[in-house]
Amino acid sequence: MSTSLTADSWPLGKGISMSVLQNPLRTRVHATGEEPFNVPPHWHLFHEEHHVILKGRIRITQDGVAHVVGPEDGEVVTPAGVVHSIESFAGEETIIEETTRPGVDTTAQKILFFRNMFAPGVLQSFLSTMQVFYYGDAYPVLPLGIRWFEWLMVVVMGGWVAGLLGYQIPDKRLRLDQRRFPPKKKD
């Protein structure tokens, strides 16, 4: 496997990269094991995620229940509304692929979410991160675990305050939550 990165591949951390693959459309995270790949607890209102572990193991926690899964376990589905996190193991090479439902349009939007989230400077700014969460149907888990408050924080900080202060997401095509951004009707 090549370690060079293309326009369809970008670094996430030391020894960790994300790639966009086709046929079917999906993302792939490759962690060499230099440092663990870690996705903090979050949830989605609109879409579900499907993960397949091709190499190594991950610890996936869904609504507080942790499971260690590997290639032999098949597809792991995280339904909309379920709080989840993912963590690979230090020193283990791990390859994970993700698709989303409903449909390929949702996966295409999820790729735009990742491109926005990992654009330069976004993760270093709370308001930029909240704005990408707003457009990308992602809600961080806060200490009290009150879903309506987590949703409200993303809407207020990412949907209103960030825009009022002039923040803009890098790729404005991101409109993942179809409840908030319904697809335009075709004539």
C-alpha atoms as a PDB file:
ATOM      1  CA  MET A   1       0.000   0.000   0.000  1.00  0.00           C
ATOM      2  CA  SER A   2       1.399   3.359  -1.037  1.00  0.00           C
ATOM      3  CA  THR A   3       2.057   5.968   1.631  1.00  0.00           C
ATOM      4  CA  SER A   4       1.868   8.908  -0.795  1.00  0.00           C
ATOM      5  CA  LEU A   5      -1.217  11.084  -0.523  1.00  0.00           C
ATOM      6  CA  THR A   6      -3.310  12.336  -3.427  1.00  0.00           C
ATOM      7  CA  ALA A   7      -6.152  14.816  -3.770  1.00  0.00           C
ATOM      8  CA  ASP A   8      -8.385  11.958  -2.634  1.00  0.00           C
ATOM      9  CA  SER A   9      -6.235  11.222   0.403  1.00  0.00           C
ATOM     10  CA  TRP A  10      -5.138  13.449   3.266  1.00  0.00           C
ATOM     11  CA  PRO A  11      -3.384  13.091   6.636  1.00  0.00           C
ATOM     12  CA  LEU A  12      -5.342  12.958   9.901  1.00  0.00           C
ATOM     13  CA  GLY A  13      -2.416  12.528  12.260  1.00  0.00           C
ATOM     14  CA  LYS A  14       0.960  10.852  12.593  1.00  0.00           C
ATOM     15  CA  GLY A  15       0.732   7.699  10.490  1.00  0.00           C
ATOM     16  CA  ILE A  16      -3.025   8.168   9.913  1.00  0.00           C
ATOM     17  CA  SER A  17      -4.611   9.036   6.573  1.00  0.00           C
ATOM     18  CA  MET A  18      -8.092   9.149   5.061  1.00  0.00           C
ATOM     19  CA  SER A  19      -8.819   8.257   1.440  1.00  0.00           C
ATOM     20  CA  VAL A  20     -11.890   8.429  -0.758  1.00  0.00           C
ATOM     21  CA  LEU A  21     -12.550   5.211  -2.677  1.00  0.00           C
ATOM     22  CA  GLN A  22     -14.968   4.566  -5.526  1.00  0.00           C
ATOM     23  CA  ASN A  23     -17.272   1.736  -6.625  1.00  0.00           C
ATOM     24  CA  PRO A  24     -18.806   1.840  -4.121  1.00  0.00           C
ATOM     25  CA  LEU A  25     -18.162   5.352  -2.802  1.00  0.00           C
ATOM     26  CA  ARG A  26     -16.656   5.150   0.694  1.00  0.00           C
ATOM     27  CA  THR A  27     -13.916   6.515   2.941  1.00  0.00           C
ATOM     28  CA  ARG A  28     -10.959   4.526   4.212  1.00  0.00           C
ATOM     29  CA  VAL A  29      -8.872   5.341   7.264  1.00  0.00           C
ATOM     30  CA  HIS A  30      -5.431   3.770   7.400  1.00  0.00           C
ATOM     31  CA  ALA A  31      -3.604   3.973  10.733  1.00  0.00           C
ATOM     32  CA  THR A  32      -0.082   2.554  10.679  1.00  0.00           C
ATOM     33  CA  GLY A  33      -0.052   2.147  14.453  1.00  0.00           C
ATOM     34  CA  GLU A  34       2.338   5.009  15.194  1.00  0.00           C
ATOM     35  CA  GLU A  35      -0.506   6.594  17.129  1.00  0.00           C
ATOM     36  CA  PRO A  36      -4.085   5.426  17.668  1.00  0.00           C
ATOM     37  CA  PHE A  37      -6.907   6.697  15.480  1.00  0.00           C
ATOM     38  CA  ASN A  38      -9.535   8.198  17.765  1.00  0.00           C
ATOM     39  CA  VAL A  39     -13.007   9.570  17.023  1.00  0.00           C
ATOM     40  CA  PRO A  40     -14.514  11.193  20.157  1.00  0.00           C
ATOM     41  CA  PRO A  41     -18.110  10.465  21.249  1.00  0.00           C
ATOM     42  CA  HIS A  42     -20.704  12.059  18.962  1.00  0.00           C
ATOM     43  CA  TRP A  43     -24.029  11.284  17.286  1.00  0.00           C
ATOM     44  CA  HIS A  44     -25.958  12.049  14.102  1.00  0.00           C
ATOM     45  CA  LEU A  45     -29.588  13.041  13.801  1.00  0.00           C
ATOM     46  CA  PHE A  46     -30.066  12.212  10.118  1.00  0.00           C
ATOM     47  CA  HIS A  47     -27.706   9.440   8.992  1.00  0.00           C
ATOM     48  CA  GLU A  48     -26.367   6.071  10.079  1.00  0.00           C
ATOM     49  CA  GLU A  49     -22.803   4.856   9.634  1.00  0.00           C
ATOM     50  CA  HIS A  50     -21.545   1.487   8.400  1.00  0.00           C
ATOM     51  CA  HIS A  51     -17.959   0.455   9.218  1.00  0.00           C
ATOM     52  CA  VAL A  52     -15.968  -2.497   7.953  1.00  0.00           C
ATOM     53  CA  ILE A  53     -12.616  -3.277   9.571  1.00  0.00           C
ATOM     54  CA  LEU A  54     -10.259  -4.642   6.913  1.00  0.00           C
ATOM     55  CA  LYS A  55      -7.157  -4.946   9.089  1.00  0.00           C
ATOM     56  CA  GLY A  56      -6.458  -4.687  12.805  1.00  0.00           C
ATOM     57  CA  ARG A  57      -9.018  -4.018  15.496  1.00  0.00           C
ATOM     58  CA  ILE A  58     -11.024  -1.091  16.786  1.00  0.00           C
ATOM     59  CA  ARG A  59     -12.922  -0.415  19.964  1.00  0.00           C
ATOM     60  CA  ILE A  60     -16.305   0.967  19.007  1.00  0.00           C
ATOM     61  CA  THR A  61     -18.551   2.240  21.754  1.00  0.00           C
ATOM     62  CA  GLN A  62     -22.257   2.639  20.995  1.00  0.00           C
ATOM     63  CA  ASP A  63     -24.529   4.173  23.653  1.00  0.00           C
ATOM     64  CA  GLY A  64     -21.987   3.294  26.345  1.00  0.00           C
ATOM     65  CA  VAL A  65     -21.385  -0.339  25.312  1.00  0.00           C
ATOM     66  CA  ALA A  66     -17.856  -1.039  24.034  1.00  0.00           C
ATOM     67  CA  HIS A  67     -16.983  -3.813  21.599  1.00  0.00           C
ATOM     68  CA  VAL A  68     -13.639  -4.766  20.119  1.00  0.00           C
ATOM     69  CA  VAL A  69     -14.177  -5.701  16.476  1.00  0.00           C
ATOM     70  CA  GLY A  70     -11.979  -6.902  13.653  1.00  0.00           C
ATOM     71  CA  PRO A  71     -12.294  -8.147  10.079  1.00  0.00           C
ATOM     72  CA  GLU A  72     -14.009 -11.371  11.145  1.00  0.00           C
ATOM     73  CA  ASP A  73     -16.907  -9.427  12.690  1.00  0.00           C
ATOM     74  CA  GLY A  74     -18.243  -8.021   9.401  1.00  0.00           C
ATOM     75  CA  GLU A  75     -20.055  -4.714   9.077  1.00  0.00           C
ATOM     76  CA  VAL A  76     -20.723  -2.625  12.181  1.00  0.00           C
ATOM     77  CA  VAL A  77     -23.831  -0.427  11.897  1.00  0.00           C
ATOM     78  CA  THR A  78     -24.361   2.664  14.034  1.00  0.00           C
ATOM     79  CA  PRO A  79     -27.969   3.886  13.658  1.00  0.00           C
ATOM     80  CA  ALA A  80     -28.877   7.576  13.651  1.00  0.00           C
ATOM     81  CA  GLY A  81     -29.203   8.926  17.191  1.00  0.00           C
ATOM     82  CA  VAL A  82     -26.725   6.475  18.741  1.00  0.00           C
ATOM     83  CA  VAL A  83     -23.784   8.035  20.596  1.00  0.00           C
ATOM     84  CA  HIS A  84     -20.616   6.398  19.306  1.00  0.00           C
ATOM     85  CA  SER A  85     -16.848   6.640  19.354  1.00  0.00           C
ATOM     86  CA  ILE A  86     -14.060   4.718  17.624  1.00  0.00           C
ATOM     87  CA  GLU A  87     -10.540   3.991  18.769  1.00  0.00           C
ATOM     88  CA  SER A  88      -7.780   1.902  17.212  1.00  0.00           C
ATOM     89  CA  PHE A  89      -4.977   0.329  19.226  1.00  0.00           C
ATOM     90  CA  ALA A  90      -1.470   1.805  19.475  1.00  0.00           C
ATOM     91  CA  GLY A  91       1.100  -0.308  17.693  1.00  0.00           C
ATOM     92  CA  GLU A  92      -1.481  -2.061  15.475  1.00  0.00           C
ATOM     93  CA  GLU A  93      -1.985  -1.246  11.812  1.00  0.00           C
ATOM     94  CA  THR A  94      -5.686  -0.628  11.231  1.00  0.00           C
ATOM     95  CA  ILE A  95      -7.738  -0.113   8.081  1.00  0.00           C
ATOM     96  CA  ILE A  96     -11.411   0.923   8.400  1.00  0.00           C
ATOM     97  CA  GLU A  97     -13.900   1.736   5.637  1.00  0.00           C
ATOM     98  CA  GLU A  98     -17.068   3.769   6.153  1.00  0.00           C
ATOM     99  CA  THR A  99     -20.246   4.297   4.176  1.00  0.00           C
ATOM    100  CA  THR A 100     -23.420   5.996   5.325  1.00  0.00           C
ATOM    101  CA  ARG A 101     -27.138   5.553   4.808  1.00  0.00           C
ATOM    102  CA  PRO A 102     -29.463   6.597   3.375  1.00  0.00           C
ATOM    103  CA  GLY A 103     -27.836   6.262  -0.033  1.00  0.00           C
ATOM    104  CA  VAL A 104     -24.743   7.255  -1.932  1.00  0.00           C
ATOM    105  CA  ASP A 105     -25.694  10.953  -1.742  1.00  0.00           C
ATOM    106  CA  THR A 106     -25.302  10.755   2.024  1.00  0.00           C
ATOM    107  CA  THR A 107     -21.868   9.154   1.661  1.00  0.00           C
ATOM    108  CA  ALA A 108     -20.863  11.898  -0.802  1.00  0.00           C
ATOM    109  CA  GLN A 109     -21.976  14.506   1.747  1.00  0.00           C
ATOM    110  CA  LYS A 110     -20.070  12.669   4.511  1.00  0.00           C
ATOM    111  CA  ILE A 111     -16.920  12.944   2.396  1.00  0.00           C
ATOM    112  CA  LEU A 112     -17.542  16.707   2.156  1.00  0.00           C
ATOM    113  CA  PHE A 113     -17.926  16.712   5.951  1.00  0.00           C
ATOM    114  CA  PHE A 114     -14.482  15.080   6.368  1.00  0.00           C
ATOM    115  CA  ARG A 115     -12.882  17.428   3.818  1.00  0.00           C
ATOM    116  CA  ASN A 116     -14.288  20.432   5.718  1.00  0.00           C
ATOM    117  CA  MET A 117     -13.417  19.075   9.168  1.00  0.00           C
ATOM    118  CA  PHE A 118      -9.800  18.383   8.217  1.00  0.00           C
ATOM    119  CA  ALA A 119      -9.267  21.575   6.208  1.00  0.00           C
ATOM    120  CA  PRO A 120      -6.438  23.719   7.618  1.00  0.00           C
ATOM    121  CA  GLY A 121      -7.389  25.518  10.827  1.00  0.00           C
ATOM    122  CA  VAL A 122     -10.891  24.069  11.292  1.00  0.00           C
ATOM    123  CA  LEU A 123     -10.127  21.759  14.231  1.00  0.00           C
ATOM    124  CA  GLN A 124      -8.136  24.531  15.921  1.00  0.00           C
ATOM    125  CA  SER A 125     -11.233  26.744  16.094  1.00  0.00           C
ATOM    126  CA  PHE A 126     -14.268  25.902  18.225  1.00  0.00           C
ATOM    127  CA  LEU A 127     -16.611  27.994  16.048  1.00  0.00           C
ATOM    128  CA  SER A 128     -15.251  26.526  12.794  1.00  0.00           C
ATOM    129  CA  THR A 129     -15.705  23.018  14.168  1.00  0.00           C
ATOM    130  CA  MET A 130     -19.254  23.766  15.332  1.00  0.00           C
ATOM    131  CA  GLN A 131     -20.059  25.223  11.914  1.00  0.00           C
ATOM    132  CA  VAL A 132     -18.899  22.042  10.150  1.00  0.00           C
ATOM    133  CA  PHE A 133     -20.925  20.015  12.693  1.00  0.00           C
ATOM    134  CA  TYR A 134     -23.977  22.176  11.904  1.00  0.00           C
ATOM    135  CA  TYR A 135     -23.764  21.584   8.165  1.00  0.00           C
ATOM    136  CA  GLY A 136     -22.582  17.984   8.605  1.00  0.00           C
ATOM    137  CA  ASP A 137     -25.193  16.444  10.957  1.00  0.00           C
ATOM    138  CA  ALA A 138     -22.756  15.844  13.822  1.00  0.00           C
ATOM    139  CA  TYR A 139     -23.316  16.558  17.498  1.00  0.00           C
ATOM    140  CA  PRO A 140     -20.606  16.250  20.175  1.00  0.00           C
ATOM    141  CA  VAL A 141     -21.442  14.572  23.450  1.00  0.00           C
ATOM    142  CA  LEU A 142     -21.252  16.968  26.391  1.00  0.00           C
ATOM    143  CA  PRO A 143     -20.715  15.919  30.025  1.00  0.00           C
ATOM    144  CA  LEU A 144     -24.410  16.011  30.965  1.00  0.00           C
ATOM    145  CA  GLY A 145     -25.424  13.980  27.912  1.00  0.00           C
ATOM    146  CA  ILE A 146     -28.560  16.039  27.224  1.00  0.00           C
ATOM    147  CA  ARG A 147     -29.243  15.539  23.521  1.00  0.00           C
ATOM    148  CA  TRP A 148     -31.437  18.587  22.991  1.00  0.00           C
ATOM    149  CA  PHE A 149     -28.715  20.775  24.590  1.00  0.00           C
ATOM    150  CA  GLU A 150     -26.005  19.226  22.368  1.00  0.00           C
ATOM    151  CA  TRP A 151     -28.206  19.855  19.318  1.00  0.00           C
ATOM    152  CA  LEU A 152     -28.948  23.428  20.446  1.00  0.00           C
ATOM    153  CA  MET A 153     -25.255  24.187  21.016  1.00  0.00           C
ATOM    154  CA  VAL A 154     -24.397  23.131  17.452  1.00  0.00           C
ATOM    155  CA  VAL A 155     -27.318  25.090  15.974  1.00  0.00           C
ATOM    156  CA  VAL A 156     -26.596  28.277  17.948  1.00  0.00           C
ATOM    157  CA  MET A 157     -22.784  28.248  17.818  1.00  0.00           C
ATOM    158  CA  GLY A 158     -22.315  26.635  14.377  1.00  0.00           C
ATOM    159  CA  GLY A 159     -25.452  27.779  12.599  1.00  0.00           C
ATOM    160  CA  TRP A 160     -25.821  31.310  13.949  1.00  0.00           C
ATOM    161  CA  VAL A 161     -22.853  32.704  15.891  1.00  0.00           C
ATOM    162  CA  ALA A 162     -20.138  31.437  13.520  1.00  0.00           C
ATOM    163  CA  GLY A 163     -21.953  32.896  10.506  1.00  0.00           C
ATOM    164  CA  LEU A 164     -22.593  36.217  12.245  1.00  0.00           C
ATOM    165  CA  LEU A 165     -18.864  36.473  12.984  1.00  0.00           C
ATOM    166  CA  GLY A 166     -17.968  35.800   9.350  1.00  0.00           C
ATOM    167  CA  TYR A 167     -16.903  32.163   9.582  1.00  0.00           C
ATOM    168  CA  GLN A 168     -17.454  30.095   6.439  1.00  0.00           C
ATOM    169  CA  ILE A 169     -17.014  26.399   5.871  1.00  0.00           C
ATOM    170  CA  PRO A 170     -14.304  25.625   3.298  1.00  0.00           C
ATOM    171  CA  ASP A 171     -16.594  23.656   0.928  1.00  0.00           C
ATOM    172  CA  LYS A 172     -20.073  25.147   0.888  1.00  0.00           C
ATOM    173  CA  ARG A 173     -21.612  22.112  -0.839  1.00  0.00           C
ATOM    174  CA  LEU A 174     -21.863  20.420   2.581  1.00  0.00           C
ATOM    175  CA  ARG A 175     -25.563  20.090   3.463  1.00  0.00           C
ATOM    176  CA  LEU A 176     -25.783  16.653   5.099  1.00  0.00           C
ATOM    177  CA  ASP A 177     -28.861  17.026   7.295  1.00  0.00           C
ATOM    178  CA  GLN A 178     -31.776  16.761   4.865  1.00  0.00           C
ATOM    179  CA  ARG A 179     -34.181  17.866   7.583  1.00  0.00           C
ATOM    180  CA  ARG A 180     -32.317  21.164   7.793  1.00  0.00           C
ATOM    181  CA  PHE A 181     -31.299  21.376   4.113  1.00  0.00           C
ATOM    182  CA  PRO A 182     -33.883  19.517   2.002  1.00  0.00           C
ATOM    183  CA  PRO A 183     -32.767  18.534  -1.496  1.00  0.00           C
ATOM    184  CA  LYS A 184     -33.910  20.941  -4.198  1.00  0.00           C
ATOM    185  CA  LYS A 185     -36.815  19.630  -6.235  1.00  0.00           C
ATOM    186  CA  LYS A 186     -36.027  18.942  -9.868  1.00  0.00           C
ATOM    187  CA  ASP A 187     -38.427  20.245 -12.489  1.00  0.00           C
END
